[in-house]
Every structure is written in structure tokens, then in C-alpha cells.
Amino acid sequence: MTASTHTPAPDTGPARIGPNAIIRVAEALRAQLGDAVTAEVFRSAGVEHYLQTMPGQMVDEREVIALHQRLRPALGAAQARAVSREAGVRTCDYLLANRIPRPAQFVLRLLPPGLASRILLRSIGGHSWTFAGSSHFRAESGYPVRLSFTNCPLCRGTTAAEPVCDYYAATFEHLYRTLVSRRATVVETACQATGAPACVFEIRWKR
């Protein structure tokens, strides 16, 4: 088993997260609930300015936290989950279209799932600075694959009876189903919102 980690840099200002965490939520909200609800959710999260001009670079993680944390109280648990999961799938589609080279995708699909997973995990770990913010991210290969966030930005300060980090779960699941195994599943087995020390995701596929 191998592991890669992301440890936040020393405090040099607000941590930052890639803009997909905002852009794709807006797209999912509009697709599922329309412009009016989208505007209200963004307004209540204090990020309504992004509806005029979507961000083109990394954003303050506090804006991402505010937006994702508004979904459940604004929409209810079931609808928030649906929006978060669609936003995660849209984020993965963006990465596949714009960030992961086509030749690399082709090679990964040809490899046995275990080997493809190890290679993909190295890439995820190497780019975790784009999505982990000030959290401590850890990726462990093996079976099942385990990904964890300590001080996870999606549920920081949230209390819930069930795991709530559906955006991350859907992003990783769609990525694995596309590049490793069409039968891959990602389950959040622990969540800081429920009192766990970290948010943990387990990735499995039928072998």
C-alpha cells in the first residue's frame, strides 16, 4: 500500500480552492431548480457576485465553504445531495475535457484496474492543492482505496446525522468509473459533520 498526502502550506493568507467548486454548483442548481433558486442560494451564501462573472482562477476557500454549507438548509438534504452530486460529475467532466491529457486517459482505460488506480491516485495526490484547501488530504492505494480529508472544507462547522460531502464523492466516483472501472463506487464512510475525526471515502470495484 502506498499513500500520498497534502499538508496545507504555512499561513500566508486564506487557502484557495479551484473555481469548479463554485462554477459547477451554479450549473447544477440552474439545471435542477432554475435561475431564481440559484440566485437565492448564492445570495444567502454571500457569493452572488459570481453569478455575474464566474471565477477564472482559484478562489478563497471560505467562499466555497459558505456556498456548499448553504445547500442543505436552503434546499433540504435530498435536493442538496442531488445538486452536490451533479456538480461533482460536472467537475469531473471538466477535468476529463480540459485537465487530463487524452493519451493518459486512453492508457489508463487499457490497464488493469489496480494498476490504473495507483497511477490515478498519484495524479490526484499531486493535484490535491487545487481542491483540498486548508485541509489535510491523504490518499491510500490498495483495496479499497481510501481518501481522507482532515478539516474538510465541504462540511467544516456543519453538524449532520449522515455524511454530507457528496460533491467530493461524486467527483471521485465519476473519475474512477471513467478511467479505472465502470463498476467503481465511492462511499463516504466517515464524515466530520457526524463527529468523525476526518471525512473518509472508500473506492471499490468488482474484481
N, C-alpha and C. Protein backbone atom coordinates (compact mmCIF):
# COMPACT_ATOMS: atom_id res chain seq x y z
N MET A 1 0.84 -1.18 0.00
CA MET A 1 0.00 0.00 0.00
C MET A 1 0.88 1.24 0.00
N THR A 2 0.52 2.22 -0.82
CA THR A 2 1.23 3.49 -0.83
C THR A 2 0.26 4.60 -0.48
N ALA A 3 0.82 5.72 -0.03
CA ALA A 3 -0.02 6.83 0.37
C ALA A 3 0.61 8.13 -0.07
N SER A 4 -0.23 9.09 -0.42
CA SER A 4 0.23 10.44 -0.69
C SER A 4 -0.59 11.39 0.16
N THR A 5 0.03 12.50 0.53
CA THR A 5 -0.66 13.43 1.41
C THR A 5 -0.50 14.85 0.91
N HIS A 6 -1.45 15.68 1.31
CA HIS A 6 -1.36 17.13 1.10
C HIS A 6 -1.47 17.78 2.46
N THR A 7 -0.45 18.54 2.82
CA THR A 7 -0.46 19.29 4.07
C THR A 7 -0.53 20.77 3.73
N PRO A 8 -1.44 21.51 4.32
CA PRO A 8 -1.55 22.93 3.99
C PRO A 8 -0.23 23.66 4.20
N ALA A 9 0.03 24.63 3.33
CA ALA A 9 1.22 25.46 3.47
C ALA A 9 1.09 26.34 4.71
N PRO A 10 2.21 26.87 5.21
CA PRO A 10 2.14 27.81 6.32
C PRO A 10 1.19 28.96 6.00
N ASP A 11 0.61 29.54 7.03
CA ASP A 11 -0.41 30.55 6.85
C ASP A 11 0.14 31.78 6.14
N THR A 12 -0.25 31.95 4.88
CA THR A 12 0.15 33.13 4.12
C THR A 12 -1.08 33.84 3.58
N GLY A 13 -2.21 33.66 4.25
CA GLY A 13 -3.47 34.22 3.79
C GLY A 13 -4.49 33.12 3.61
N PRO A 14 -5.69 33.47 3.17
CA PRO A 14 -6.74 32.47 3.01
C PRO A 14 -6.33 31.36 2.05
N ALA A 15 -6.64 30.12 2.41
CA ALA A 15 -6.40 29.00 1.49
C ALA A 15 -7.32 29.14 0.29
N ARG A 16 -6.93 28.52 -0.81
CA ARG A 16 -7.69 28.67 -2.04
C ARG A 16 -8.05 27.30 -2.63
N ILE A 17 -9.16 27.29 -3.36
CA ILE A 17 -9.69 26.07 -3.98
C ILE A 17 -10.05 26.41 -5.42
N GLY A 18 -9.94 25.43 -6.30
CA GLY A 18 -10.25 25.65 -7.71
C GLY A 18 -11.68 26.11 -7.94
N PRO A 19 -11.92 26.89 -8.99
CA PRO A 19 -13.23 27.50 -9.21
C PRO A 19 -14.35 26.53 -9.56
N ASN A 20 -14.01 25.28 -9.93
CA ASN A 20 -15.07 24.32 -10.23
C ASN A 20 -16.02 24.13 -9.06
N ALA A 21 -15.52 24.27 -7.85
CA ALA A 21 -16.36 24.07 -6.67
C ALA A 21 -17.47 25.10 -6.57
N ILE A 22 -17.36 26.19 -7.32
CA ILE A 22 -18.42 27.20 -7.39
C ILE A 22 -19.14 27.13 -8.73
N ILE A 23 -18.38 27.07 -9.81
CA ILE A 23 -18.99 27.09 -11.15
C ILE A 23 -19.94 25.92 -11.35
N ARG A 24 -19.53 24.72 -10.97
CA ARG A 24 -20.35 23.54 -11.25
C ARG A 24 -21.57 23.47 -10.33
N VAL A 25 -21.46 24.04 -9.13
CA VAL A 25 -22.65 24.12 -8.27
C VAL A 25 -23.69 25.04 -8.92
N ALA A 26 -23.25 26.15 -9.48
CA ALA A 26 -24.18 27.05 -10.17
C ALA A 26 -24.85 26.33 -11.34
N GLU A 27 -24.07 25.59 -12.11
CA GLU A 27 -24.64 24.86 -13.24
C GLU A 27 -25.67 23.83 -12.79
N ALA A 28 -25.33 23.09 -11.73
CA ALA A 28 -26.26 22.06 -11.24
C ALA A 28 -27.52 22.68 -10.67
N LEU A 29 -27.38 23.77 -9.94
CA LEU A 29 -28.56 24.46 -9.40
C LEU A 29 -29.47 24.95 -10.52
N ARG A 30 -28.89 25.56 -11.52
CA ARG A 30 -29.70 26.06 -12.63
C ARG A 30 -30.41 24.92 -13.35
N ALA A 31 -29.69 23.83 -13.57
CA ALA A 31 -30.26 22.70 -14.30
C ALA A 31 -31.41 22.05 -13.53
N GLN A 32 -31.28 21.97 -12.22
CA GLN A 32 -32.28 21.26 -11.42
C GLN A 32 -33.39 22.16 -10.90
N LEU A 33 -33.06 23.43 -10.60
CA LEU A 33 -34.02 24.27 -9.88
C LEU A 33 -34.26 25.64 -10.49
N GLY A 34 -33.50 26.02 -11.50
CA GLY A 34 -33.75 27.28 -12.18
C GLY A 34 -32.94 28.45 -11.65
N ASP A 35 -33.05 29.57 -12.37
CA ASP A 35 -32.24 30.74 -12.07
C ASP A 35 -32.60 31.40 -10.74
N ALA A 36 -33.88 31.44 -10.41
CA ALA A 36 -34.30 32.16 -9.20
C ALA A 36 -33.74 31.49 -7.95
N VAL A 37 -33.85 30.17 -7.87
CA VAL A 37 -33.33 29.46 -6.71
C VAL A 37 -31.80 29.57 -6.67
N THR A 38 -31.18 29.48 -7.82
CA THR A 38 -29.72 29.62 -7.87
C THR A 38 -29.30 30.97 -7.32
N ALA A 39 -29.97 32.03 -7.74
CA ALA A 39 -29.64 33.37 -7.27
C ALA A 39 -29.83 33.48 -5.77
N GLU A 40 -30.89 32.89 -5.24
CA GLU A 40 -31.15 32.99 -3.80
C GLU A 40 -30.10 32.24 -3.00
N VAL A 41 -29.72 31.05 -3.45
CA VAL A 41 -28.70 30.29 -2.74
C VAL A 41 -27.37 31.04 -2.74
N PHE A 42 -26.98 31.55 -3.90
CA PHE A 42 -25.72 32.29 -3.98
C PHE A 42 -25.78 33.56 -3.15
N ARG A 43 -26.92 34.24 -3.14
CA ARG A 43 -27.06 35.45 -2.34
C ARG A 43 -26.94 35.14 -0.86
N SER A 44 -27.61 34.07 -0.41
CA SER A 44 -27.58 33.74 1.01
C SER A 44 -26.20 33.28 1.46
N ALA A 45 -25.38 32.78 0.51
CA ALA A 45 -24.02 32.37 0.83
C ALA A 45 -23.02 33.53 0.72
N GLY A 46 -23.49 34.67 0.24
CA GLY A 46 -22.61 35.82 0.10
C GLY A 46 -21.69 35.76 -1.10
N VAL A 47 -22.04 34.96 -2.10
CA VAL A 47 -21.19 34.84 -3.29
C VAL A 47 -21.97 35.16 -4.57
N GLU A 48 -22.99 36.00 -4.45
CA GLU A 48 -23.82 36.29 -5.60
C GLU A 48 -23.06 36.99 -6.73
N HIS A 49 -21.94 37.64 -6.41
CA HIS A 49 -21.15 38.31 -7.46
C HIS A 49 -20.65 37.32 -8.51
N TYR A 50 -20.52 36.06 -8.17
CA TYR A 50 -20.05 35.08 -9.14
C TYR A 50 -21.10 34.76 -10.21
N LEU A 51 -22.35 35.09 -9.96
CA LEU A 51 -23.37 34.85 -10.97
C LEU A 51 -23.26 35.85 -12.11
N GLN A 52 -22.59 36.97 -11.87
CA GLN A 52 -22.34 37.94 -12.93
C GLN A 52 -21.12 37.53 -13.76
N THR A 53 -20.06 37.13 -13.07
CA THR A 53 -18.84 36.68 -13.74
C THR A 53 -18.28 35.51 -12.97
N MET A 54 -18.31 34.32 -13.55
CA MET A 54 -17.80 33.15 -12.88
C MET A 54 -16.27 33.25 -12.72
N PRO A 55 -15.74 32.70 -11.64
CA PRO A 55 -14.30 32.82 -11.40
C PRO A 55 -13.48 32.07 -12.44
N GLY A 56 -12.34 32.65 -12.80
CA GLY A 56 -11.46 32.02 -13.76
C GLY A 56 -10.16 31.54 -13.14
N GLN A 57 -10.08 31.63 -11.81
CA GLN A 57 -8.88 31.19 -11.12
C GLN A 57 -9.27 30.71 -9.73
N MET A 58 -8.29 30.27 -8.95
CA MET A 58 -8.54 29.75 -7.61
C MET A 58 -9.27 30.80 -6.77
N VAL A 59 -10.17 30.33 -5.90
CA VAL A 59 -10.97 31.24 -5.09
C VAL A 59 -10.69 31.01 -3.60
N ASP A 60 -11.02 31.98 -2.80
CA ASP A 60 -10.90 31.88 -1.35
C ASP A 60 -11.74 30.69 -0.88
N GLU A 61 -11.14 29.77 -0.13
CA GLU A 61 -11.89 28.58 0.28
C GLU A 61 -13.09 28.94 1.15
N ARG A 62 -13.06 30.09 1.80
CA ARG A 62 -14.19 30.48 2.64
C ARG A 62 -15.45 30.69 1.81
N GLU A 63 -15.29 31.10 0.55
CA GLU A 63 -16.45 31.24 -0.33
C GLU A 63 -17.00 29.87 -0.71
N VAL A 64 -16.11 28.93 -0.96
CA VAL A 64 -16.54 27.56 -1.27
C VAL A 64 -17.27 26.96 -0.07
N ILE A 65 -16.70 27.13 1.10
CA ILE A 65 -17.33 26.61 2.33
C ILE A 65 -18.72 27.20 2.50
N ALA A 66 -18.84 28.53 2.34
CA ALA A 66 -20.13 29.19 2.54
C ALA A 66 -21.17 28.67 1.55
N LEU A 67 -20.79 28.50 0.28
CA LEU A 67 -21.76 28.05 -0.72
C LEU A 67 -22.20 26.62 -0.46
N HIS A 68 -21.27 25.72 -0.25
CA HIS A 68 -21.63 24.31 -0.05
C HIS A 68 -22.42 24.12 1.25
N GLN A 69 -22.12 24.92 2.25
CA GLN A 69 -22.85 24.78 3.51
C GLN A 69 -24.25 25.35 3.45
N ARG A 70 -24.53 26.21 2.47
CA ARG A 70 -25.88 26.75 2.34
C ARG A 70 -26.83 25.79 1.66
N LEU A 71 -26.32 24.80 0.96
CA LEU A 71 -27.19 23.95 0.15
C LEU A 71 -28.21 23.19 0.98
N ARG A 72 -27.76 22.56 2.06
CA ARG A 72 -28.69 21.75 2.86
C ARG A 72 -29.79 22.59 3.52
N PRO A 73 -29.47 23.66 4.24
CA PRO A 73 -30.56 24.45 4.83
C PRO A 73 -31.45 25.12 3.79
N ALA A 74 -30.89 25.46 2.63
CA ALA A 74 -31.68 26.15 1.61
C ALA A 74 -32.56 25.20 0.80
N LEU A 75 -32.07 23.97 0.58
CA LEU A 75 -32.76 23.06 -0.34
C LEU A 75 -33.35 21.83 0.32
N GLY A 76 -32.89 21.51 1.53
CA GLY A 76 -33.24 20.24 2.15
C GLY A 76 -32.18 19.20 1.80
N ALA A 77 -32.08 18.18 2.63
CA ALA A 77 -30.99 17.22 2.50
C ALA A 77 -30.99 16.49 1.16
N ALA A 78 -32.16 16.01 0.72
CA ALA A 78 -32.22 15.21 -0.51
C ALA A 78 -31.87 16.04 -1.74
N GLN A 79 -32.44 17.24 -1.85
CA GLN A 79 -32.16 18.08 -3.01
C GLN A 79 -30.72 18.58 -2.99
N ALA A 80 -30.21 18.90 -1.80
CA ALA A 80 -28.81 19.33 -1.70
C ALA A 80 -27.87 18.22 -2.16
N ARG A 81 -28.19 17.00 -1.81
CA ARG A 81 -27.37 15.87 -2.24
C ARG A 81 -27.40 15.73 -3.76
N ALA A 82 -28.56 15.88 -4.35
CA ALA A 82 -28.68 15.77 -5.81
C ALA A 82 -27.88 16.86 -6.51
N VAL A 83 -27.95 18.08 -6.00
CA VAL A 83 -27.21 19.19 -6.59
C VAL A 83 -25.71 18.96 -6.43
N SER A 84 -25.30 18.56 -5.24
CA SER A 84 -23.87 18.34 -4.98
C SER A 84 -23.31 17.24 -5.88
N ARG A 85 -24.07 16.16 -6.04
CA ARG A 85 -23.58 15.06 -6.86
C ARG A 85 -23.50 15.47 -8.33
N GLU A 86 -24.48 16.20 -8.82
CA GLU A 86 -24.40 16.65 -10.21
C GLU A 86 -23.22 17.60 -10.40
N ALA A 87 -22.99 18.48 -9.42
CA ALA A 87 -21.86 19.39 -9.50
C ALA A 87 -20.54 18.61 -9.52
N GLY A 88 -20.46 17.53 -8.75
CA GLY A 88 -19.27 16.70 -8.75
C GLY A 88 -19.04 16.03 -10.09
N VAL A 89 -20.10 15.50 -10.69
CA VAL A 89 -19.99 14.87 -12.01
C VAL A 89 -19.56 15.90 -13.05
N ARG A 90 -20.14 17.10 -12.98
CA ARG A 90 -19.77 18.15 -13.93
C ARG A 90 -18.30 18.56 -13.74
N THR A 91 -17.85 18.58 -12.51
CA THR A 91 -16.44 18.90 -12.25
C THR A 91 -15.54 17.86 -12.90
N CYS A 92 -15.88 16.59 -12.72
CA CYS A 92 -15.09 15.52 -13.33
C CYS A 92 -15.10 15.64 -14.85
N ASP A 93 -16.25 15.93 -15.44
CA ASP A 93 -16.33 16.08 -16.89
C ASP A 93 -15.41 17.20 -17.36
N TYR A 94 -15.36 18.29 -16.59
CA TYR A 94 -14.46 19.39 -16.94
C TYR A 94 -13.00 18.93 -16.90
N LEU A 95 -12.65 18.21 -15.84
CA LEU A 95 -11.27 17.73 -15.71
C LEU A 95 -10.90 16.80 -16.87
N LEU A 96 -11.81 15.93 -17.24
CA LEU A 96 -11.54 15.00 -18.34
C LEU A 96 -11.39 15.74 -19.67
N ALA A 97 -12.15 16.81 -19.84
CA ALA A 97 -12.11 17.54 -21.10
C ALA A 97 -10.94 18.52 -21.18
N ASN A 98 -10.46 18.99 -20.02
CA ASN A 98 -9.51 20.10 -20.05
C ASN A 98 -8.22 19.90 -19.27
N ARG A 99 -8.17 18.93 -18.36
CA ARG A 99 -7.02 18.84 -17.48
C ARG A 99 -6.26 17.51 -17.56
N ILE A 100 -6.93 16.46 -17.94
CA ILE A 100 -6.27 15.15 -18.02
C ILE A 100 -6.02 14.83 -19.48
N PRO A 101 -4.77 14.74 -19.92
CA PRO A 101 -4.48 14.52 -21.33
C PRO A 101 -5.18 13.28 -21.89
N ARG A 102 -5.67 13.39 -23.10
CA ARG A 102 -6.38 12.27 -23.74
C ARG A 102 -5.53 11.01 -23.83
N PRO A 103 -4.24 11.12 -24.21
CA PRO A 103 -3.43 9.89 -24.25
C PRO A 103 -3.34 9.20 -22.90
N ALA A 104 -3.25 9.99 -21.81
CA ALA A 104 -3.20 9.39 -20.48
C ALA A 104 -4.50 8.69 -20.15
N GLN A 105 -5.62 9.29 -20.54
CA GLN A 105 -6.91 8.64 -20.31
C GLN A 105 -7.00 7.32 -21.07
N PHE A 106 -6.53 7.32 -22.29
CA PHE A 106 -6.57 6.11 -23.11
C PHE A 106 -5.76 4.99 -22.48
N VAL A 107 -4.57 5.33 -22.00
CA VAL A 107 -3.71 4.32 -21.38
C VAL A 107 -4.34 3.78 -20.10
N LEU A 108 -4.87 4.65 -19.27
CA LEU A 108 -5.47 4.20 -18.00
C LEU A 108 -6.60 3.22 -18.26
N ARG A 109 -7.40 3.46 -19.27
CA ARG A 109 -8.53 2.57 -19.56
C ARG A 109 -8.08 1.18 -20.00
N LEU A 110 -6.88 1.10 -20.55
CA LEU A 110 -6.36 -0.19 -21.01
C LEU A 110 -5.76 -1.01 -19.89
N LEU A 111 -5.37 -0.37 -18.79
CA LEU A 111 -4.65 -1.05 -17.71
C LEU A 111 -5.59 -1.82 -16.80
N PRO A 112 -5.10 -2.85 -16.10
CA PRO A 112 -5.89 -3.49 -15.05
C PRO A 112 -6.30 -2.45 -14.01
N PRO A 113 -7.49 -2.56 -13.43
CA PRO A 113 -7.97 -1.54 -12.51
C PRO A 113 -7.01 -1.21 -11.37
N GLY A 114 -6.37 -2.22 -10.79
CA GLY A 114 -5.48 -1.94 -9.67
C GLY A 114 -4.33 -1.04 -10.06
N LEU A 115 -3.73 -1.31 -11.21
CA LEU A 115 -2.61 -0.50 -11.67
C LEU A 115 -3.08 0.89 -12.09
N ALA A 116 -4.20 0.94 -12.80
CA ALA A 116 -4.75 2.25 -13.20
C ALA A 116 -5.07 3.09 -11.98
N SER A 117 -5.59 2.45 -10.94
CA SER A 117 -5.92 3.17 -9.71
C SER A 117 -4.68 3.76 -9.08
N ARG A 118 -3.60 3.01 -9.01
CA ARG A 118 -2.38 3.53 -8.38
C ARG A 118 -1.83 4.73 -9.14
N ILE A 119 -1.88 4.65 -10.46
CA ILE A 119 -1.38 5.77 -11.27
C ILE A 119 -2.29 6.99 -11.10
N LEU A 120 -3.60 6.76 -11.13
CA LEU A 120 -4.54 7.87 -10.97
C LEU A 120 -4.40 8.51 -9.60
N LEU A 121 -4.20 7.69 -8.57
CA LEU A 121 -4.05 8.23 -7.22
C LEU A 121 -2.85 9.16 -7.11
N ARG A 122 -1.76 8.80 -7.78
CA ARG A 122 -0.59 9.68 -7.74
C ARG A 122 -0.93 11.05 -8.34
N SER A 123 -1.72 11.04 -9.41
CA SER A 123 -2.11 12.29 -10.03
C SER A 123 -3.05 13.08 -9.11
N ILE A 124 -4.00 12.39 -8.50
CA ILE A 124 -4.91 13.07 -7.58
C ILE A 124 -4.14 13.70 -6.44
N GLY A 125 -3.21 12.93 -5.86
CA GLY A 125 -2.42 13.46 -4.77
C GLY A 125 -1.58 14.64 -5.19
N GLY A 126 -1.03 14.57 -6.41
CA GLY A 126 -0.19 15.65 -6.89
C GLY A 126 -0.95 16.93 -7.17
N HIS A 127 -2.26 16.81 -7.38
CA HIS A 127 -3.07 17.99 -7.67
C HIS A 127 -4.03 18.34 -6.52
N SER A 128 -3.83 17.72 -5.36
CA SER A 128 -4.77 17.95 -4.26
C SER A 128 -4.78 19.39 -3.78
N TRP A 129 -3.71 20.14 -4.05
CA TRP A 129 -3.68 21.55 -3.67
C TRP A 129 -4.81 22.32 -4.36
N THR A 130 -5.37 21.79 -5.45
CA THR A 130 -6.42 22.50 -6.17
C THR A 130 -7.80 22.29 -5.56
N PHE A 131 -7.97 21.27 -4.71
CA PHE A 131 -9.30 21.00 -4.17
C PHE A 131 -9.34 20.83 -2.66
N ALA A 132 -8.18 20.67 -2.01
CA ALA A 132 -8.19 20.38 -0.58
C ALA A 132 -8.17 21.63 0.29
N GLY A 133 -7.77 22.76 -0.26
CA GLY A 133 -7.73 23.97 0.53
C GLY A 133 -6.82 23.83 1.74
N SER A 134 -7.31 24.24 2.90
CA SER A 134 -6.51 24.17 4.12
C SER A 134 -6.65 22.84 4.84
N SER A 135 -7.35 21.88 4.22
CA SER A 135 -7.48 20.56 4.85
C SER A 135 -6.21 19.74 4.63
N HIS A 136 -6.09 18.68 5.41
CA HIS A 136 -5.00 17.71 5.22
C HIS A 136 -5.59 16.53 4.46
N PHE A 137 -5.11 16.33 3.23
CA PHE A 137 -5.65 15.28 2.35
C PHE A 137 -4.69 14.11 2.31
N ARG A 138 -5.23 12.90 2.34
CA ARG A 138 -4.42 11.69 2.27
C ARG A 138 -5.08 10.70 1.33
N ALA A 139 -4.29 10.11 0.44
CA ALA A 139 -4.77 9.09 -0.49
C ALA A 139 -3.99 7.81 -0.27
N GLU A 140 -4.68 6.71 -0.01
CA GLU A 140 -4.04 5.42 0.24
C GLU A 140 -4.47 4.43 -0.83
N SER A 141 -3.49 3.87 -1.53
CA SER A 141 -3.80 2.85 -2.52
C SER A 141 -4.09 1.53 -1.81
N GLY A 142 -4.35 0.49 -2.59
CA GLY A 142 -4.75 -0.79 -2.00
C GLY A 142 -6.19 -1.07 -2.37
N TYR A 143 -6.82 -1.94 -1.61
CA TYR A 143 -8.23 -2.23 -1.88
C TYR A 143 -8.95 -2.46 -0.56
N PRO A 144 -9.96 -1.62 -0.26
CA PRO A 144 -10.38 -0.49 -1.07
C PRO A 144 -9.40 0.67 -1.00
N VAL A 145 -9.47 1.53 -2.00
CA VAL A 145 -8.73 2.79 -1.96
C VAL A 145 -9.39 3.67 -0.90
N ARG A 146 -8.57 4.40 -0.15
CA ARG A 146 -9.12 5.31 0.85
C ARG A 146 -8.59 6.72 0.63
N LEU A 147 -9.50 7.66 0.60
CA LEU A 147 -9.17 9.08 0.52
C LEU A 147 -9.72 9.74 1.77
N SER A 148 -8.96 10.65 2.36
CA SER A 148 -9.46 11.29 3.58
C SER A 148 -9.09 12.76 3.60
N PHE A 149 -9.97 13.54 4.22
CA PHE A 149 -9.76 14.96 4.44
C PHE A 149 -9.90 15.22 5.94
N THR A 150 -8.89 15.77 6.55
CA THR A 150 -9.00 16.25 7.92
C THR A 150 -9.19 17.75 7.85
N ASN A 151 -10.22 18.26 8.54
CA ASN A 151 -10.62 19.66 8.43
C ASN A 151 -11.20 19.93 7.05
N CYS A 152 -12.05 19.03 6.61
CA CYS A 152 -12.63 19.07 5.26
C CYS A 152 -13.40 20.37 5.02
N PRO A 153 -13.15 21.05 3.92
CA PRO A 153 -13.84 22.32 3.67
C PRO A 153 -15.33 22.18 3.38
N LEU A 154 -15.78 21.05 2.86
CA LEU A 154 -17.18 20.92 2.49
C LEU A 154 -18.11 20.85 3.68
N CYS A 155 -17.63 20.33 4.80
CA CYS A 155 -18.53 20.17 5.94
C CYS A 155 -18.01 20.86 7.20
N ARG A 156 -17.02 21.70 7.05
CA ARG A 156 -16.43 22.38 8.20
C ARG A 156 -17.50 23.21 8.93
N GLY A 157 -17.67 22.94 10.21
CA GLY A 157 -18.65 23.67 11.00
C GLY A 157 -20.06 23.16 10.87
N THR A 158 -20.26 22.06 10.11
CA THR A 158 -21.59 21.51 9.89
C THR A 158 -21.83 20.31 10.81
N THR A 159 -23.05 20.17 11.27
CA THR A 159 -23.46 19.00 12.04
C THR A 159 -24.60 18.31 11.31
N ALA A 160 -24.47 17.01 11.12
CA ALA A 160 -25.50 16.25 10.40
C ALA A 160 -25.53 14.83 10.91
N ALA A 161 -26.63 14.14 10.60
CA ALA A 161 -26.78 12.75 11.02
C ALA A 161 -26.18 11.77 10.03
N GLU A 162 -25.79 12.25 8.85
CA GLU A 162 -25.23 11.39 7.81
C GLU A 162 -24.13 12.15 7.08
N PRO A 163 -23.24 11.44 6.40
CA PRO A 163 -22.19 12.13 5.64
C PRO A 163 -22.78 13.10 4.62
N VAL A 164 -22.08 14.21 4.41
CA VAL A 164 -22.64 15.26 3.55
C VAL A 164 -21.71 15.70 2.42
N CYS A 165 -20.55 15.06 2.27
CA CYS A 165 -19.57 15.52 1.27
C CYS A 165 -19.81 14.87 -0.09
N ASP A 166 -21.02 15.02 -0.59
CA ASP A 166 -21.42 14.36 -1.83
C ASP A 166 -20.68 14.91 -3.04
N TYR A 167 -20.28 16.16 -3.00
CA TYR A 167 -19.55 16.75 -4.13
C TYR A 167 -18.25 16.00 -4.37
N TYR A 168 -17.47 15.79 -3.33
CA TYR A 168 -16.23 15.04 -3.47
C TYR A 168 -16.51 13.60 -3.90
N ALA A 169 -17.49 12.95 -3.24
CA ALA A 169 -17.78 11.55 -3.55
C ALA A 169 -18.14 11.37 -5.02
N ALA A 170 -18.97 12.26 -5.55
CA ALA A 170 -19.40 12.13 -6.95
C ALA A 170 -18.25 12.42 -7.91
N THR A 171 -17.40 13.40 -7.58
CA THR A 171 -16.26 13.70 -8.44
C THR A 171 -15.34 12.49 -8.55
N PHE A 172 -14.98 11.92 -7.41
CA PHE A 172 -14.07 10.77 -7.41
C PHE A 172 -14.71 9.56 -8.08
N GLU A 173 -16.01 9.35 -7.83
CA GLU A 173 -16.67 8.17 -8.41
C GLU A 173 -16.71 8.27 -9.92
N HIS A 174 -17.08 9.42 -10.44
CA HIS A 174 -17.15 9.57 -11.90
C HIS A 174 -15.77 9.44 -12.52
N LEU A 175 -14.76 9.96 -11.84
CA LEU A 175 -13.38 9.84 -12.34
C LEU A 175 -12.96 8.38 -12.41
N TYR A 176 -13.25 7.62 -11.34
CA TYR A 176 -12.87 6.21 -11.32
C TYR A 176 -13.69 5.40 -12.31
N ARG A 177 -14.97 5.71 -12.46
CA ARG A 177 -15.78 4.95 -13.41
C ARG A 177 -15.34 5.20 -14.84
N THR A 178 -14.81 6.37 -15.11
CA THR A 178 -14.36 6.70 -16.46
C THR A 178 -12.99 6.14 -16.77
N LEU A 179 -12.08 6.16 -15.79
CA LEU A 179 -10.68 5.84 -16.07
C LEU A 179 -10.20 4.51 -15.49
N VAL A 180 -10.90 3.96 -14.51
CA VAL A 180 -10.42 2.74 -13.83
C VAL A 180 -11.36 1.56 -14.04
N SER A 181 -12.61 1.70 -13.65
CA SER A 181 -13.58 0.61 -13.79
C SER A 181 -14.98 1.19 -13.83
N ARG A 182 -15.77 0.77 -14.80
CA ARG A 182 -17.14 1.27 -14.90
C ARG A 182 -17.99 0.84 -13.71
N ARG A 183 -17.50 -0.12 -12.94
CA ARG A 183 -18.25 -0.61 -11.78
C ARG A 183 -17.73 -0.02 -10.46
N ALA A 184 -16.91 1.01 -10.54
CA ALA A 184 -16.38 1.62 -9.33
C ALA A 184 -17.48 2.35 -8.55
N THR A 185 -17.39 2.28 -7.25
CA THR A 185 -18.30 3.03 -6.38
C THR A 185 -17.48 3.74 -5.31
N VAL A 186 -17.95 4.91 -4.92
CA VAL A 186 -17.31 5.68 -3.85
C VAL A 186 -18.34 5.92 -2.77
N VAL A 187 -17.99 5.55 -1.55
CA VAL A 187 -18.87 5.73 -0.39
C VAL A 187 -18.11 6.52 0.67
N GLU A 188 -18.76 7.57 1.17
CA GLU A 188 -18.17 8.31 2.29
C GLU A 188 -18.50 7.53 3.57
N THR A 189 -17.52 6.88 4.13
CA THR A 189 -17.73 6.01 5.28
C THR A 189 -17.63 6.73 6.61
N ALA A 190 -17.06 7.92 6.63
CA ALA A 190 -16.95 8.72 7.84
C ALA A 190 -16.98 10.18 7.43
N CYS A 191 -17.57 11.02 8.27
CA CYS A 191 -17.70 12.44 7.92
C CYS A 191 -17.57 13.26 9.19
N GLN A 192 -16.82 14.33 9.10
CA GLN A 192 -16.66 15.18 10.27
C GLN A 192 -17.97 15.83 10.69
N ALA A 193 -18.92 15.96 9.77
CA ALA A 193 -20.22 16.52 10.13
C ALA A 193 -20.97 15.63 11.11
N THR A 194 -20.64 14.33 11.13
CA THR A 194 -21.30 13.40 12.06
C THR A 194 -20.46 13.17 13.32
N GLY A 195 -19.34 13.88 13.42
CA GLY A 195 -18.49 13.75 14.60
C GLY A 195 -17.23 12.94 14.39
N ALA A 196 -17.00 12.42 13.19
CA ALA A 196 -15.78 11.66 12.91
C ALA A 196 -14.57 12.59 12.87
N PRO A 197 -13.38 12.06 13.11
CA PRO A 197 -12.18 12.91 13.09
C PRO A 197 -11.77 13.35 11.69
N ALA A 198 -12.26 12.67 10.65
CA ALA A 198 -11.93 13.03 9.28
C ALA A 198 -13.05 12.53 8.36
N CYS A 199 -13.11 13.10 7.17
CA CYS A 199 -14.02 12.60 6.14
C CYS A 199 -13.27 11.56 5.33
N VAL A 200 -13.81 10.36 5.26
CA VAL A 200 -13.12 9.23 4.63
C VAL A 200 -14.00 8.67 3.51
N PHE A 201 -13.38 8.47 2.35
CA PHE A 201 -14.06 7.91 1.19
C PHE A 201 -13.39 6.60 0.81
N GLU A 202 -14.20 5.57 0.60
CA GLU A 202 -13.67 4.27 0.17
C GLU A 202 -14.11 4.01 -1.26
N ILE A 203 -13.15 3.60 -2.09
CA ILE A 203 -13.41 3.33 -3.50
C ILE A 203 -13.24 1.84 -3.75
N ARG A 204 -14.27 1.23 -4.31
CA ARG A 204 -14.25 -0.19 -4.61
C ARG A 204 -14.71 -0.43 -6.05
N TRP A 205 -14.32 -1.55 -6.60
CA TRP A 205 -14.82 -2.03 -7.88
C TRP A 205 -14.80 -3.54 -7.84
N LYS A 206 -15.66 -4.17 -8.62
CA LYS A 206 -15.72 -5.63 -8.63
C LYS A 206 -14.46 -6.17 -9.29
N ARG A 207 -13.79 -7.08 -8.61
CA ARG A 207 -12.53 -7.61 -9.12
C ARG A 207 -12.72 -9.05 -9.63
